[in-house]
């Protein structure tokens, strides 16, 4: 992969958006059972901190939820889909526990909860060609986790994609199994999307702590970038 590029069609929908990304290489993401308690406690702590974003009894009236539901109304979506941060906050609202998945995913989920921002990641070694965020033409191949049948992107849906197809549908709703982070992942890119000034401020703080946690745990310094309408691509 050579570039990460945000297409012009995305900025036409979200001119004030910002995409923070962290690129990390040569990590060992294989499960270490001795660290299970650490990650369980990390997620538990972040769950408690996430409650600051749920100040209204009616779940849909909380600001983070309203912001992202409004954003999802700006493009074509599969019926009923929600942003990844809404999915996490819904679990918090229902007082459900967060179990460890794999170490890199656990770290980014903890940051997503703590800062109330959507956060996802891809295995760089599985990306074919350049990685784009843009508007789907329709039909881009997509196999979500656990699926054995194609669930292609809709026309005018916002997706991350590469030369082989969609890798995250509906901006930050669901990752493709082809590019998802696993214990075998050694090179990864993590994304935080924000669509307004308040979110950007939280995202900027979130990427700092994300980078710090990744470096502390994996002993690898990542490279972080900010993508905007004025600076829409990076070369890796």
Foldseek 3Di string as FASTA:
>chain_A
DWKEFEDPQVCVLFQQKKKKKWKFFQFQFADDVVCQVVLQVLQVVLLVLLCVQVPDLPLCPRPLNVVFVVSLVSWDDDPPFGAPLSVVVVCSSVVHGDGDDIDLVSLQSSLCSNLVWFKFKWQVVLADAYKYWHFDCWDFWAAFPPGPDTDAAGGGWTFIHHPRGGQATNRHGTGGPSTHDDSPRRIMMMMTMDRDDSSVVSVVVSVVVSQVVCCVPRVTGIDMDMAHPVRGMDTD
